[in-house]
């Protein structure tokens, strides 16, 4: 029998190691989360999801701390969608997924883990990436360490807007 180890997941399960404050604001201010930040532009930022659904799971957020799309200016909304598309194109080029789940969770009942700062999830998907382990054991296999993926993706966001 083979054993799959994912010890980093225990922090998530036990709700440990979460920074004090909003992860997006910490990333924007340069006061934390630096190891996961791919790029910060004038109005938006892109970062790795520390607890990904799949390898390459990215988060795209406005720099401004707002809870809904209605609170954003027209420019912020434009830049946010522009950077979501930039994330998709970067992941296509680097990882060659078969598709994507792209979305946002508005409100706690919709699954928002950070409901006070609106953000998009960009999740690359491959044929067969959901298998018996996910269905029966609630376990996902992430084939590459998040730091390695982050280093590969950073160049794509050097000119983020």
Protein backbone atom coordinates (compact mmCIF):
# COMPACT_ATOMS: atom_id res chain seq x y z
CA UNK A 1 0.00 0.00 0.00
CA UNK A 2 1.23 3.49 -0.83
CA UNK A 3 0.69 6.47 1.46
CA UNK A 4 -0.07 9.94 0.18
CA UNK A 5 1.30 12.62 2.46
CA UNK A 6 -0.09 16.16 2.41
CA UNK A 7 1.01 17.51 5.81
CA UNK A 8 0.47 21.13 4.83
CA UNK A 9 -3.30 20.47 4.73
CA UNK A 10 -3.40 19.99 8.52
CA UNK A 11 -2.90 23.74 9.06
CA UNK A 12 -6.03 24.32 6.99
CA UNK A 13 -8.02 21.59 8.71
CA UNK A 14 -7.09 22.89 12.17
CA UNK A 15 -7.48 26.53 11.09
CA UNK A 16 -3.87 27.24 12.12
CA UNK A 17 -1.34 29.61 10.63
CA UNK A 18 -3.86 32.09 9.24
CA UNK A 19 -2.43 35.60 9.28
CA UNK A 20 -4.06 38.30 11.36
CA UNK A 21 -5.96 40.49 8.95
CA UNK A 22 -7.04 40.26 5.35
CA UNK A 23 -4.62 38.25 3.19
CA UNK A 24 -5.27 40.51 0.20
CA UNK A 25 -4.59 43.70 2.15
CA UNK A 26 -1.45 42.15 3.65
CA UNK A 27 -0.30 41.21 0.15
CA UNK A 28 -1.08 44.69 -1.20
CA UNK A 29 0.72 46.45 1.63
CA UNK A 30 3.78 44.19 1.38
CA UNK A 31 3.32 43.21 5.04
CA UNK A 32 2.82 39.51 4.52
CA UNK A 33 1.92 36.76 2.07
CA UNK A 34 4.93 37.78 -0.10
CA UNK A 35 5.77 34.16 -0.81
CA UNK A 36 2.40 33.69 -2.54
CA UNK A 37 2.05 37.01 -4.39
CA UNK A 38 2.53 36.79 -8.15
CA UNK A 39 1.98 40.46 -8.93
CA UNK A 40 0.52 43.70 -7.62
CA UNK A 41 -0.66 46.36 -10.04
CA UNK A 42 -2.27 49.76 -9.73
CA UNK A 43 -5.70 48.39 -8.78
CA UNK A 44 -5.42 44.59 -8.51
CA UNK A 45 -3.26 41.73 -7.32
CA UNK A 46 -2.81 38.08 -8.23
CA UNK A 47 -1.64 35.47 -5.76
CA UNK A 48 -1.50 31.74 -5.24
CA UNK A 49 -4.21 30.12 -3.11
CA UNK A 50 -2.41 28.72 -0.06
CA UNK A 51 -5.00 25.94 0.19
CA UNK A 52 -5.66 25.10 -3.48
CA UNK A 53 -8.34 22.94 -5.02
CA UNK A 54 -5.88 22.11 -7.80
CA UNK A 55 -2.30 22.87 -8.73
CA UNK A 56 -2.15 26.45 -10.05
CA UNK A 57 -5.23 27.71 -8.15
CA UNK A 58 -4.96 31.52 -8.29
CA UNK A 59 -6.77 34.37 -6.56
CA UNK A 60 -7.36 37.70 -8.30
CA UNK A 61 -8.52 40.60 -6.12
CA UNK A 62 -8.85 44.35 -6.19
CA UNK A 63 -6.36 46.14 -3.97
CA UNK A 64 -9.18 48.07 -2.35
CA UNK A 65 -10.85 46.25 0.54
CA UNK A 66 -14.48 45.92 -0.60
CA UNK A 67 -16.97 43.08 -0.26
CA UNK A 68 -18.77 43.25 -3.58
CA UNK A 69 -18.41 44.08 -7.24
CA UNK A 70 -20.90 46.92 -6.81
CA UNK A 71 -18.39 48.72 -4.55
CA UNK A 72 -15.71 48.84 -7.26
CA UNK A 73 -15.16 51.66 -9.70
CA UNK A 74 -15.58 50.96 -13.40
CA UNK A 75 -11.77 50.95 -13.80
CA UNK A 76 -11.34 48.51 -10.90
CA UNK A 77 -13.96 46.16 -12.40
CA UNK A 78 -12.26 46.37 -15.80
CA UNK A 79 -8.80 45.73 -14.34
CA UNK A 80 -10.10 42.87 -12.22
CA UNK A 81 -11.53 41.05 -15.24
CA UNK A 82 -8.45 41.89 -17.31
CA UNK A 83 -6.27 40.24 -14.66
CA UNK A 84 -8.57 37.22 -14.38
CA UNK A 85 -8.04 36.75 -18.11
CA UNK A 86 -4.28 37.27 -17.65
CA UNK A 87 -4.30 34.51 -15.02
CA UNK A 88 -6.16 32.17 -17.38
CA UNK A 89 -3.73 32.85 -20.22
CA UNK A 90 -0.69 32.36 -17.95
CA UNK A 91 -2.01 29.03 -16.69
CA UNK A 92 -2.86 27.92 -20.24
CA UNK A 93 0.67 28.68 -21.38
CA UNK A 94 2.44 27.14 -18.41
CA UNK A 95 0.24 24.22 -17.37
CA UNK A 96 -1.92 23.35 -20.41
CA UNK A 97 -5.14 22.59 -18.52
CA UNK A 98 -8.19 21.22 -20.32
CA UNK A 99 -10.46 23.88 -18.81
CA UNK A 100 -11.04 26.23 -15.88
CA UNK A 101 -13.38 26.96 -13.02
CA UNK A 102 -13.51 30.74 -12.62
CA UNK A 103 -15.75 32.41 -10.11
CA UNK A 104 -16.32 34.28 -6.92
CA UNK A 105 -18.18 33.40 -3.78
CA UNK A 106 -20.26 36.31 -2.52
CA UNK A 107 -21.31 35.85 1.10
CA UNK A 108 -20.58 33.17 3.67
CA UNK A 109 -23.49 30.94 2.59
CA UNK A 110 -22.06 30.97 -0.95
CA UNK A 111 -18.77 29.59 0.35
CA UNK A 112 -16.79 32.81 0.75
CA UNK A 113 -13.87 32.18 3.07
CA UNK A 114 -12.92 35.86 2.96
CA UNK A 115 -16.26 37.51 2.38
CA UNK A 116 -15.13 41.03 3.25
CA UNK A 117 -12.68 41.32 0.31
CA UNK A 118 -14.13 40.28 -3.05
CA UNK A 119 -11.86 38.03 -5.13
CA UNK A 120 -11.99 35.65 -8.06
CA UNK A 121 -10.80 32.05 -7.96
CA UNK A 122 -9.10 30.81 -11.13
CA UNK A 123 -8.76 27.03 -10.96
CA UNK A 124 -7.18 25.07 -13.82
CA UNK A 125 -8.81 21.70 -14.51
CA UNK A 126 -7.59 18.60 -16.30
CA UNK A 127 -9.55 15.63 -17.57
CA UNK A 128 -9.56 13.08 -14.78
CA UNK A 129 -8.35 15.46 -12.03
CA UNK A 130 -11.26 14.35 -9.84
CA UNK A 131 -10.84 10.72 -8.95
CA UNK A 132 -11.75 8.22 -6.29
CA UNK A 133 -9.55 9.91 -3.66
CA UNK A 134 -11.52 13.14 -3.85
CA UNK A 135 -14.86 11.38 -3.96
CA UNK A 136 -14.29 8.80 -1.21
CA UNK A 137 -11.55 10.21 1.00
CA UNK A 138 -11.98 13.98 0.57
CA UNK A 139 -8.32 14.13 -0.46
CA UNK A 140 -6.79 15.94 -3.42
CA UNK A 141 -3.42 15.19 -4.88
CA UNK A 142 -1.50 18.35 -5.80
CA UNK A 143 1.40 17.20 -7.99
CA UNK A 144 3.75 20.17 -7.53
CA UNK A 145 4.78 22.15 -4.46
CA UNK A 146 3.09 25.57 -4.30
CA UNK A 147 6.47 27.36 -4.12
CA UNK A 148 7.64 25.74 -7.38
CA UNK A 149 4.39 26.68 -9.14
CA UNK A 150 4.64 30.22 -7.77
CA UNK A 151 8.17 30.67 -9.12
CA UNK A 152 7.09 29.46 -12.56
CA UNK A 153 4.07 31.80 -12.66
CA UNK A 154 5.71 35.00 -11.35
CA UNK A 155 7.17 36.11 -14.70
CA UNK A 156 3.68 36.13 -16.21
CA UNK A 157 2.62 38.85 -13.78
CA UNK A 158 5.64 41.16 -13.94
CA UNK A 159 3.55 43.74 -15.81
CA UNK A 160 0.23 43.35 -14.00
CA UNK A 161 -2.08 46.38 -14.30
